[in-house]
PDB file of N, CA and C in Angstrom:
ATOM      1  N   MET A   1      35.101  91.746 126.653  1.00  0.00           N
ATOM      2  CA  MET A   1      36.341  92.187 126.483  1.00  0.00           C
ATOM      3  C   MET A   1      37.214  92.442 126.323  1.00  0.00           C
ATOM      4  N   GLU A   2      37.941  92.736 125.785  1.00  0.00           N
ATOM      5  CA  GLU A   2      39.712  92.251 125.150  1.00  0.00           C
ATOM      6  C   GLU A   2      40.603  91.753 125.529  1.00  0.00           C
ATOM      7  N   SER A   3      41.587  90.997 124.948  1.00  0.00           N
ATOM      8  CA  SER A   3      42.016  90.309 126.302  1.00  0.00           C
ATOM      9  C   SER A   3      43.873  91.304 125.935  1.00  0.00           C
ATOM     10  N   ILE A   4      44.925  92.085 126.742  1.00  0.00           N
ATOM     11  CA  ILE A   4      45.656  92.422 127.403  1.00  0.00           C
ATOM     12  C   ILE A   4      46.349  92.658 126.351  1.00  0.00           C
ATOM     13  N   ILE A   5      46.245  91.651 125.603  1.00  0.00           N
ATOM     14  CA  ILE A   5      46.800  91.381 123.948  1.00  0.00           C
ATOM     15  C   ILE A   5      46.250  91.627 123.040  1.00  0.00           C
ATOM     16  N   GLU A   6      44.854  91.396 123.200  1.00  0.00           N
ATOM     17  CA  GLU A   6      44.319  91.860 122.382  1.00  0.00           C
ATOM     18  C   GLU A   6      44.671  93.917 121.984  1.00  0.00           C
ATOM     19  N   GLN A   7      44.672  94.566 123.589  1.00  0.00           N
ATOM     20  CA  GLN A   7      44.592  95.794 123.285  1.00  0.00           C
ATOM     21  C   GLN A   7      45.777  95.831 123.443  1.00  0.00           C
ATOM     22  N   LEU A   8      46.978  95.697 123.647  1.00  0.00           N
ATOM     23  CA  LEU A   8      48.226  96.362 122.930  1.00  0.00           C
ATOM     24  C   LEU A   8      48.583  95.986 121.257  1.00  0.00           C
ATOM     25  N   PHE A   9      48.568  94.826 121.648  1.00  0.00           N
ATOM     26  CA  PHE A   9      48.234  94.942 119.192  1.00  0.00           C
ATOM     27  C   PHE A   9      47.745  95.627 119.049  1.00  0.00           C
ATOM     28  N   ASN A  10      45.501  95.980 119.471  1.00  0.00           N
ATOM     29  CA  ASN A  10      45.219  97.139 118.390  1.00  0.00           C
ATOM     30  C   ASN A  10      44.979  98.422 118.380  1.00  0.00           C
ATOM     31  N   GLY A  11      46.656  98.980 119.562  1.00  0.00           N
ATOM     32  CA  GLY A  11      47.198 100.282 119.352  1.00  0.00           C
ATOM     33  C   GLY A  11      46.539 101.060 120.872  1.00  0.00           C
ATOM     34  N   GLU A  12      45.692 100.318 121.421  1.00  0.00           N
ATOM     35  CA  GLU A  12      44.201 100.590 122.539  1.00  0.00           C
ATOM     36  C   GLU A  12      45.083 101.456 123.824  1.00  0.00           C
ATOM     37  N   ILE A  13      46.085 100.736 123.529  1.00  0.00           N
ATOM     38  CA  ILE A  13      46.874 100.998 125.576  1.00  0.00           C
ATOM     39  C   ILE A  13      47.259 102.148 125.550  1.00  0.00           C
ATOM     40  N   ASP A  14      47.242 103.296 125.758  1.00  0.00           N
ATOM     41  CA  ASP A  14      48.193 104.222 126.060  1.00  0.00           C
ATOM     42  C   ASP A  14      49.201 104.316 127.383  1.00  0.00           C
ATOM     43  N   SER A  15      50.608 104.700 126.585  1.00  0.00           N
ATOM     44  CA  SER A  15      51.276 103.861 128.766  1.00  0.00           C
ATOM     45  C   SER A  15      51.165 105.349 129.405  1.00  0.00           C
ATOM     46  N   PHE A  16      50.618 106.738 128.682  1.00  0.00           N
ATOM     47  CA  PHE A  16      51.296 108.291 129.429  1.00  0.00           C
ATOM     48  C   PHE A  16      49.093 108.518 129.530  1.00  0.00           C
ATOM     49  N   GLU A  17      48.123 107.709 128.776  1.00  0.00           N
ATOM     50  CA  GLU A  17      46.637 107.775 129.347  1.00  0.00           C
ATOM     51  C   GLU A  17      46.483 108.075 130.647  1.00  0.00           C
ATOM     52  N   ASN A  18      47.034 106.805 131.712  1.00  0.00           N
ATOM     53  CA  ASN A  18      45.935 107.568 133.502  1.00  0.00           C
ATOM     54  C   ASN A  18      48.119 107.419 133.806  1.00  0.00           C
ATOM     55  N   PHE A  19      49.410 108.705 132.899  1.00  0.00           N
ATOM     56  CA  PHE A  19      50.187 108.396 133.785  1.00  0.00           C
ATOM     57  C   PHE A  19      49.811 109.873 135.091  1.00  0.00           C
ATOM     58  N   CYS A  20      50.512 109.533 136.499  1.00  0.00           N
ATOM     59  CA  CYS A  20      50.123 109.764 137.869  1.00  0.00           C
ATOM     60  C   CYS A  20      50.423 110.843 137.559  1.00  0.00           C
ATOM     61  N   GLN A  21      50.838 112.213 137.932  1.00  0.00           N
ATOM     62  CA  GLN A  21      51.732 113.251 138.548  1.00  0.00           C
ATOM     63  C   GLN A  21      51.893 113.134 139.623  1.00  0.00           C
ATOM     64  N   THR A  22      53.200 112.615 139.876  1.00  0.00           N
ATOM     65  CA  THR A  22      52.734 112.736 141.640  1.00  0.00           C
ATOM     66  C   THR A  22      54.302 114.086 142.801  1.00  0.00           C
ATOM     67  N   ASP A  23      53.633 114.515 144.071  1.00  0.00           N
ATOM     68  CA  ASP A  23      53.907 115.297 143.731  1.00  0.00           C
ATOM     69  C   ASP A  23      55.070 115.303 143.706  1.00  0.00           C
ATOM     70  N   GLU A  24      56.418 114.757 144.043  1.00  0.00           N
ATOM     71  CA  GLU A  24      57.636 114.071 143.620  1.00  0.00           C
ATOM     72  C   GLU A  24      58.267 115.180 142.885  1.00  0.00           C
ATOM     73  N   TYR A  25      56.954 114.146 141.763  1.00  0.00           N
ATOM     74  CA  TYR A  25      56.782 114.628 139.802  1.00  0.00           C
ATOM     75  C   TYR A  25      56.911 116.280 140.279  1.00  0.00           C
ATOM     76  N   ILE A  26      56.065 116.731 140.319  1.00  0.00           N
ATOM     77  CA  ILE A  26      55.835 117.791 140.118  1.00  0.00           C
ATOM     78  C   ILE A  26      56.813 118.479 140.843  1.00  0.00           C
ATOM     79  N   LYS A  27      56.728 119.060 141.839  1.00  0.00           N
ATOM     80  CA  LYS A  27      57.980 119.481 142.654  1.00  0.00           C
ATOM     81  C   LYS A  27      59.677 120.367 141.817  1.00  0.00           C
ATOM     82  N   ALA A  28      59.843 118.319 140.994  1.00  0.00           N
ATOM     83  CA  ALA A  28      60.692 118.330 140.728  1.00  0.00           C
ATOM     84  C   ALA A  28      60.664 119.678 138.772  1.00  0.00           C
ATOM     85  N   THR A  29      59.660 119.437 138.593  1.00  0.00           N
ATOM     86  CA  THR A  29      59.376 119.174 137.231  1.00  0.00           C
ATOM     87  C   THR A  29      58.912 121.465 137.664  1.00  0.00           C
ATOM     88  N   SER A  30      58.372 121.673 138.324  1.00  0.00           N
ATOM     89  CA  SER A  30      58.957 122.943 138.501  1.00  0.00           C
ATOM     90  C   SER A  30      59.753 123.778 139.210  1.00  0.00           C
ATOM     91  N   GLU A  31      61.315 123.269 139.430  1.00  0.00           N
ATOM     92  CA  GLU A  31      62.497 123.701 139.792  1.00  0.00           C
ATOM     93  C   GLU A  31      63.342 123.112 139.142  1.00  0.00           C
ATOM     94  N   VAL A  32      62.590 122.582 137.656  1.00  0.00           N
ATOM     95  CA  VAL A  32      63.809 122.570 137.008  1.00  0.00           C
ATOM     96  C   VAL A  32      62.728 124.291 135.922  1.00  0.00           C
ATOM     97  N   ILE A  33      61.766 124.112 135.633  1.00  0.00           N
ATOM     98  CA  ILE A  33      61.130 125.248 134.882  1.00  0.00           C
ATOM     99  C   ILE A  33      61.627 127.196 135.827  1.00  0.00           C
ATOM    100  N   LYS A  34      62.481 126.737 136.778  1.00  0.00           N
ATOM    101  CA  LYS A  34      61.762 128.226 137.486  1.00  0.00           C
ATOM    102  C   LYS A  34      63.784 128.304 137.017  1.00  0.00           C
ATOM    103  N   VAL A  35      64.676 127.639 137.041  1.00  0.00           N
ATOM    104  CA  VAL A  35      65.641 127.683 136.639  1.00  0.00           C
ATOM    105  C   VAL A  35      66.739 127.720 135.006  1.00  0.00           C
ATOM    106  N   GLU A  36      65.912 126.734 134.320  1.00  0.00           N
ATOM    107  CA  GLU A  36      66.028 127.380 132.980  1.00  0.00           C
ATOM    108  C   GLU A  36      65.964 129.078 132.606  1.00  0.00           C
ATOM    109  N   GLY A  37      64.362 129.751 133.510  1.00  0.00           N
ATOM    110  CA  GLY A  37      63.522 130.628 133.321  1.00  0.00           C
ATOM    111  C   GLY A  37      64.927 131.417 133.645  1.00  0.00           C
ATOM    112  N   GLU A  38      65.963 130.640 135.010  1.00  0.00           N
ATOM    113  CA  GLU A  38      66.795 132.048 135.355  1.00  0.00           C
ATOM    114  C   GLU A  38      68.515 131.851 134.706  1.00  0.00           C
ATOM    115  N   PHE A  39      68.374 130.854 134.396  1.00  0.00           N
ATOM    116  CA  PHE A  39      69.315 130.525 133.354  1.00  0.00           C
ATOM    117  C   PHE A  39      69.035 130.921 132.101  1.00  0.00           C
ATOM    118  N   GLN A  40      67.827 131.477 131.316  1.00  0.00           N
ATOM    119  CA  GLN A  40      67.780 131.738 130.212  1.00  0.00           C
ATOM    120  C   GLN A  40      67.946 133.366 130.486  1.00  0.00           C
ATOM    121  N   ASP A  41      68.006 133.856 130.906  1.00  0.00           N
ATOM    122  CA  ASP A  41      67.726 135.356 131.746  1.00  0.00           C
ATOM    123  C   ASP A  41      69.333 135.494 131.629  1.00  0.00           C
ATOM    124  N   LEU A  42      70.356 135.427 131.800  1.00  0.00           N
ATOM    125  CA  LEU A  42      71.717 135.246 131.679  1.00  0.00           C
ATOM    126  C   LEU A  42      72.762 134.888 130.384  1.00  0.00           C
ATOM    127  N   ILE A  43      71.832 134.029 129.282  1.00  0.00           N
ATOM    128  CA  ILE A  43      72.121 134.084 128.423  1.00  0.00           C
ATOM    129  C   ILE A  43      71.469 134.901 126.880  1.00  0.00           C
ATOM    130  N   ASN A  44      72.428 135.614 126.330  1.00  0.00           N
ATOM    131  CA  ASN A  44      72.163 136.248 124.491  1.00  0.00           C
ATOM    132  C   ASN A  44      70.675 134.735 124.071  1.00  0.00           C
ATOM    133  N   GLN A  45      71.046 135.721 122.985  1.00  0.00           N
ATOM    134  CA  GLN A  45      70.028 134.898 122.038  1.00  0.00           C
ATOM    135  C   GLN A  45      71.070 133.623 121.748  1.00  0.00           C
ATOM    136  N   GLU A  46      71.933 134.088 120.385  1.00  0.00           N
ATOM    137  CA  GLU A  46      72.868 132.772 120.856  1.00  0.00           C
ATOM    138  C   GLU A  46      72.827 131.643 121.696  1.00  0.00           C
ATOM    139  N   GLN A  47      73.399 131.930 122.763  1.00  0.00           N
ATOM    140  CA  GLN A  47      73.438 131.541 124.115  1.00  0.00           C
ATOM    141  C   GLN A  47      72.015 130.131 123.968  1.00  0.00           C
ATOM    142  N   ARG A  48      70.830 130.650 123.651  1.00  0.00           N
ATOM    143  CA  ARG A  48      69.738 130.644 123.932  1.00  0.00           C
ATOM    144  C   ARG A  48      69.186 129.857 123.327  1.00  0.00           C
ATOM    145  N   GLU A  49      70.020 129.853 121.464  1.00  0.00           N
ATOM    146  CA  GLU A  49      69.902 128.706 120.836  1.00  0.00           C
ATOM    147  C   GLU A  49      69.689 127.839 120.595  1.00  0.00           C
ATOM    148  N   VAL A  50      71.496 128.102 120.892  1.00  0.00           N
ATOM    149  CA  VAL A  50      72.429 126.304 121.547  1.00  0.00           C
ATOM    150  C   VAL A  50      71.517 126.148 122.831  1.00  0.00           C
ATOM    151  N   TYR A  51      71.372 126.708 124.200  1.00  0.00           N
ATOM    152  CA  TYR A  51      70.353 126.040 124.290  1.00  0.00           C
ATOM    153  C   TYR A  51      69.765 125.176 124.447  1.00  0.00           C
ATOM    154  N   GLU A  52      68.487 125.687 123.743  1.00  0.00           N
ATOM    155  CA  GLU A  52      67.126 125.076 122.869  1.00  0.00           C
ATOM    156  C   GLU A  52      68.006 123.641 121.868  1.00  0.00           C
ATOM    157  N   ARG A  53      69.165 123.894 121.403  1.00  0.00           N
ATOM    158  CA  ARG A  53      69.325 122.409 119.942  1.00  0.00           C
ATOM    159  C   ARG A  53      69.992 121.575 121.353  1.00  0.00           C
ATOM    160  N   LEU A  54      70.174 121.653 122.811  1.00  0.00           N
ATOM    161  CA  LEU A  54      70.556 121.696 123.537  1.00  0.00           C
ATOM    162  C   LEU A  54      68.973 120.904 124.528  1.00  0.00           C
ATOM    163  N   LEU A  55      68.980 120.975 124.548  1.00  0.00           N
ATOM    164  CA  LEU A  55      66.880 120.560 124.524  1.00  0.00           C
ATOM    165  C   LEU A  55      66.688 119.762 124.061  1.00  0.00           C
ATOM    166  N   ASP A  56      66.390 119.983 122.993  1.00  0.00           N
ATOM    167  CA  ASP A  56      66.147 118.903 121.736  1.00  0.00           C
ATOM    168  C   ASP A  56      66.318 117.423 121.885  1.00  0.00           C
ATOM    169  N   ILE A  57      68.103 117.791 121.912  1.00  0.00           N
ATOM    170  CA  ILE A  57      68.396 116.731 122.331  1.00  0.00           C
ATOM    171  C   ILE A  57      68.525 115.981 123.433  1.00  0.00           C
ATOM    172  N   LYS A  58      68.004 116.861 124.164  1.00  0.00           N
ATOM    173  CA  LYS A  58      68.221 115.993 125.564  1.00  0.00           C
ATOM    174  C   LYS A  58      66.868 115.135 125.666  1.00  0.00           C
ATOM    175  N   SER A  59      65.576 115.797 125.270  1.00  0.00           N
ATOM    176  CA  SER A  59      64.362 115.749 124.584  1.00  0.00           C
ATOM    177  C   SER A  59      64.367 113.764 124.174  1.00  0.00           C
ATOM    178  N   GLU A  60      65.644 113.965 123.233  1.00  0.00           N
ATOM    179  CA  GLU A  60      65.112 112.966 122.162  1.00  0.00           C
ATOM    180  C   GLU A  60      65.045 111.836 123.046  1.00  0.00           C
ATOM    181  N   SER A  61      66.830 111.598 123.697  1.00  0.00           N
ATOM    182  CA  SER A  61      67.806 110.152 124.790  1.00  0.00           C
ATOM    183  C   SER A  61      66.964 110.111 125.708  1.00  0.00           C
ATOM    184  N   SER A  62      66.075 111.215 126.122  1.00  0.00           N
ATOM    185  CA  SER A  62      64.842 110.645 126.875  1.00  0.00           C
ATOM    186  C   SER A  62      64.002 109.884 126.915  1.00  0.00           C
ATOM    187  N   VAL A  63      64.088 110.211 125.940  1.00  0.00           N
ATOM    188  CA  VAL A  63      61.858 109.218 125.210  1.00  0.00           C
ATOM    189  C   VAL A  63      62.947 108.066 125.129  1.00  0.00           C
ATOM    190  N   ILE A  64      64.520 108.004 124.023  1.00  0.00           N
ATOM    191  CA  ILE A  64      64.546 106.897 124.147  1.00  0.00           C
ATOM    192  C   ILE A  64      65.273 106.195 125.385  1.00  0.00           C
ATOM    193  N   GLU A  65      65.718 106.620 125.875  1.00  0.00           N
ATOM    194  CA  GLU A  65      65.466 106.523 127.566  1.00  0.00           C
ATOM    195  C   GLU A  65      64.771 105.428 128.086  1.00  0.00           C
ATOM    196  N   SER A  66      63.364 106.230 127.833  1.00  0.00           N
ATOM    197  CA  SER A  66      61.942 105.958 128.113  1.00  0.00           C
ATOM    198  C   SER A  66      61.713 104.360 127.627  1.00  0.00           C
ATOM    199  N   LYS A  67      61.869 104.688 126.759  1.00  0.00           N
ATOM    200  CA  LYS A  67      61.303 103.058 125.757  1.00  0.00           C
ATOM    201  C   LYS A  67      62.996 102.231 125.749  1.00  0.00           C
ATOM    202  N   ILE A  68      63.336 101.520 126.415  1.00  0.00           N
ATOM    203  CA  ILE A  68      64.125 101.368 126.861  1.00  0.00           C
ATOM    204  C   ILE A  68      64.008 100.344 128.091  1.00  0.00           C
ATOM    205  N   HIS A  69      63.730 101.222 129.006  1.00  0.00           N
ATOM    206  CA  HIS A  69      63.505 100.856 130.137  1.00  0.00           C
ATOM    207  C   HIS A  69      62.082 100.785 130.175  1.00  0.00           C
ATOM    208  N   PHE A  70      61.140 100.622 129.335  1.00  0.00           N
ATOM    209  CA  PHE A  70      60.131  99.960 129.429  1.00  0.00           C
ATOM    210  C   PHE A  70      59.632  98.662 128.463  1.00  0.00           C
ATOM    211  N   VAL A  71      60.112  98.327 127.342  1.00  0.00           N
ATOM    212  CA  VAL A  71      61.210  97.104 127.429  1.00  0.00           C
ATOM    213  C   VAL A  71      60.990  96.376 127.730  1.00  0.00           C
ATOM    214  N   TYR A  72      62.670  96.501 128.512  1.00  0.00           N
ATOM    215  CA  TYR A  72      63.272  96.114 129.633  1.00  0.00           C
ATOM    216  C   TYR A  72      61.949  95.709 130.817  1.00  0.00           C
ATOM    217  N   GLY A  73      61.463  96.375 131.191  1.00  0.00           N
ATOM    218  CA  GLY A  73      60.795  96.449 132.681  1.00  0.00           C
ATOM    219  C   GLY A  73      59.309  95.169 131.283  1.00  0.00           C
ATOM    220  N   PHE A  74      58.882  95.456 131.024  1.00  0.00           N
ATOM    221  CA  PHE A  74      58.167  94.231 130.135  1.00  0.00           C
ATOM    222  C   PHE A  74      58.836  92.746 130.060  1.00  0.00           C
ATOM    223  N   LYS A  75      60.299  92.953 129.014  1.00  0.00           N
ATOM    224  CA  LYS A  75      60.158  91.284 129.524  1.00  0.00           C
ATOM    225  C   LYS A  75      60.347  90.635 131.288  1.00  0.00           C
ATOM    226  N   ILE A  76      61.063  91.953 131.800  1.00  0.00           N
ATOM    227  CA  ILE A  76      61.666  90.767 133.054  1.00  0.00           C
ATOM    228  C   ILE A  76      60.163  90.800 133.394  1.00  0.00           C
ATOM    229  N   GLY A  77      58.859  91.345 133.764  1.00  0.00           N
ATOM    230  CA  GLY A  77      57.579  91.025 134.057  1.00  0.00           C
ATOM    231  C   GLY A  77      56.919  89.580 133.630  1.00  0.00           C
ATOM    232  N   PHE A  78      56.802  89.819 131.951  1.00  0.00           N
ATOM    233  CA  PHE A  78      56.757  88.109 131.222  1.00  0.00           C
ATOM    234  C   PHE A  78      57.398  86.863 131.483  1.00  0.00           C
ATOM    235  N   LYS A  79      58.863  87.702 131.841  1.00  0.00           N
ATOM    236  CA  LYS A  79      59.362  86.450 132.567  1.00  0.00           C
ATOM    237  C   LYS A  79      59.280  85.623 133.310  1.00  0.00           C
ATOM    238  N   LEU A  80      58.762  87.353 134.532  1.00  0.00           N
ATOM    239  CA  LEU A  80      57.712  86.603 136.350  1.00  0.00           C
ATOM    240  C   LEU A  80      57.275  86.007 135.755  1.00  0.00           C
ATOM    241  N   ALA A  81      56.482  86.010 135.278  1.00  0.00           N
ATOM    242  CA  ALA A  81      55.124  85.003 134.882  1.00  0.00           C
ATOM    243  C   ALA A  81      55.098  84.249 134.922  1.00  0.00           C
ATOM    244  N   PHE A  82      56.133  83.960 133.658  1.00  0.00           N
ATOM    245  CA  PHE A  82      56.223  82.855 132.906  1.00  0.00           C
ATOM    246  C   PHE A  82      56.865  82.062 133.858  1.00  0.00           C
ATOM    247  N   GLU A  83      57.758  82.393 135.018  1.00  0.00           N
ATOM    248  CA  GLU A  83      58.549  82.101 135.567  1.00  0.00           C
ATOM    249  C   GLU A  83      57.046  81.048 136.777  1.00  0.00           C
ATOM    250  N   LEU A  84      56.465  82.014 137.417  1.00  0.00           N
ATOM    251  CA  LEU A  84      55.316  82.114 138.280  1.00  0.00           C
ATOM    252  C   LEU A  84      54.315  80.633 137.805  1.00  0.00           C
ATOM    253  N   TYR A  85      53.970  80.769 136.786  1.00  0.00           N
ATOM    254  CA  TYR A  85      53.665  79.887 135.411  1.00  0.00           C
ATOM    255  C   TYR A  85      54.172  78.359 135.410  1.00  0.00           C
ATOM    256  N   GLY A  86      55.085  77.784 135.610  1.00  0.00           N
ATOM    257  CA  GLY A  86      55.880  77.574 135.420  1.00  0.00           C
ATOM    258  C   GLY A  86      55.798  76.752 137.138  1.00  0.00           C
ATOM    259  N   GLU A  87      56.040  77.433 137.697  1.00  0.00           N
ATOM    260  CA  GLU A  87      55.679  76.517 139.492  1.00  0.00           C
ATOM    261  C   GLU A  87      53.964  76.490 139.921  1.00  0.00           C
ATOM    262  N   ASN A  88      53.288  76.864 139.610  1.00  0.00           N
ATOM    263  CA  ASN A  88      52.374  76.424 139.596  1.00  0.00           C
ATOM    264  C   ASN A  88      52.034  75.193 138.687  1.00  0.00           C
ATOM    265  N   GLN A  89      52.116  75.337 137.608  1.00  0.00           N
ATOM    266  CA  GLN A  89      52.262  73.942 136.998  1.00  0.00           C
ATOM    267  C   GLN A  89      52.602  73.107 137.633  1.00  0.00           C
ATOM    268  N   ASN A  90      54.291  72.883 138.367  1.00  0.00           N
ATOM    269  CA  ASN A  90      54.632  71.883 138.406  1.00  0.00           C
ATOM    270  C   ASN A  90      54.228  71.687 140.410  1.00  0.00           C
ATOM    271  N   ASN A  91      53.596  72.796 141.245  1.00  0.00           N
ATOM    272  CA  ASN A  91      52.785  71.864 141.778  1.00  0.00           C
ATOM    273  C   ASN A  91      51.466  71.737 141.780  1.00  0.00           C
ATOM    274  N   GLN A  92      50.915  71.254 140.388  1.00  0.00           N
ATOM    275  CA  GLN A  92      49.109  70.313 140.647  1.00  0.00           C
ATOM    276  C   GLN A  92      50.414  68.949 140.225  1.00  0.00           C
ATOM    277  N   ILE A  93      51.285  68.372 139.888  1.00  0.00           N
ATOM    278  CA  ILE A  93      51.485  67.645 139.812  1.00  0.00           C
ATOM    279  C   ILE A  93      51.932  66.893 140.401  1.00  0.00           C
TER     280      ILE A  93
END
């Protein structure tokens, strides 16, 4: 079996592959869909186009934000592992 570092390098790990949709997530997503539908029923075509552009921009922003959080979390995890490894080395001396 390849190491996790090799799997990351080879692009074999997909962070969305095992995405777990919790009950809380499903409930929130369902509510968003419901309210968006109600809102779109109240606006005209021109307003819908503006709203769709807004949703596209928010979606792009969300992807960027998720990437930033992922990278930060990965770095924090690595720092934690490095610190624990250092403590383990000190305890062996």
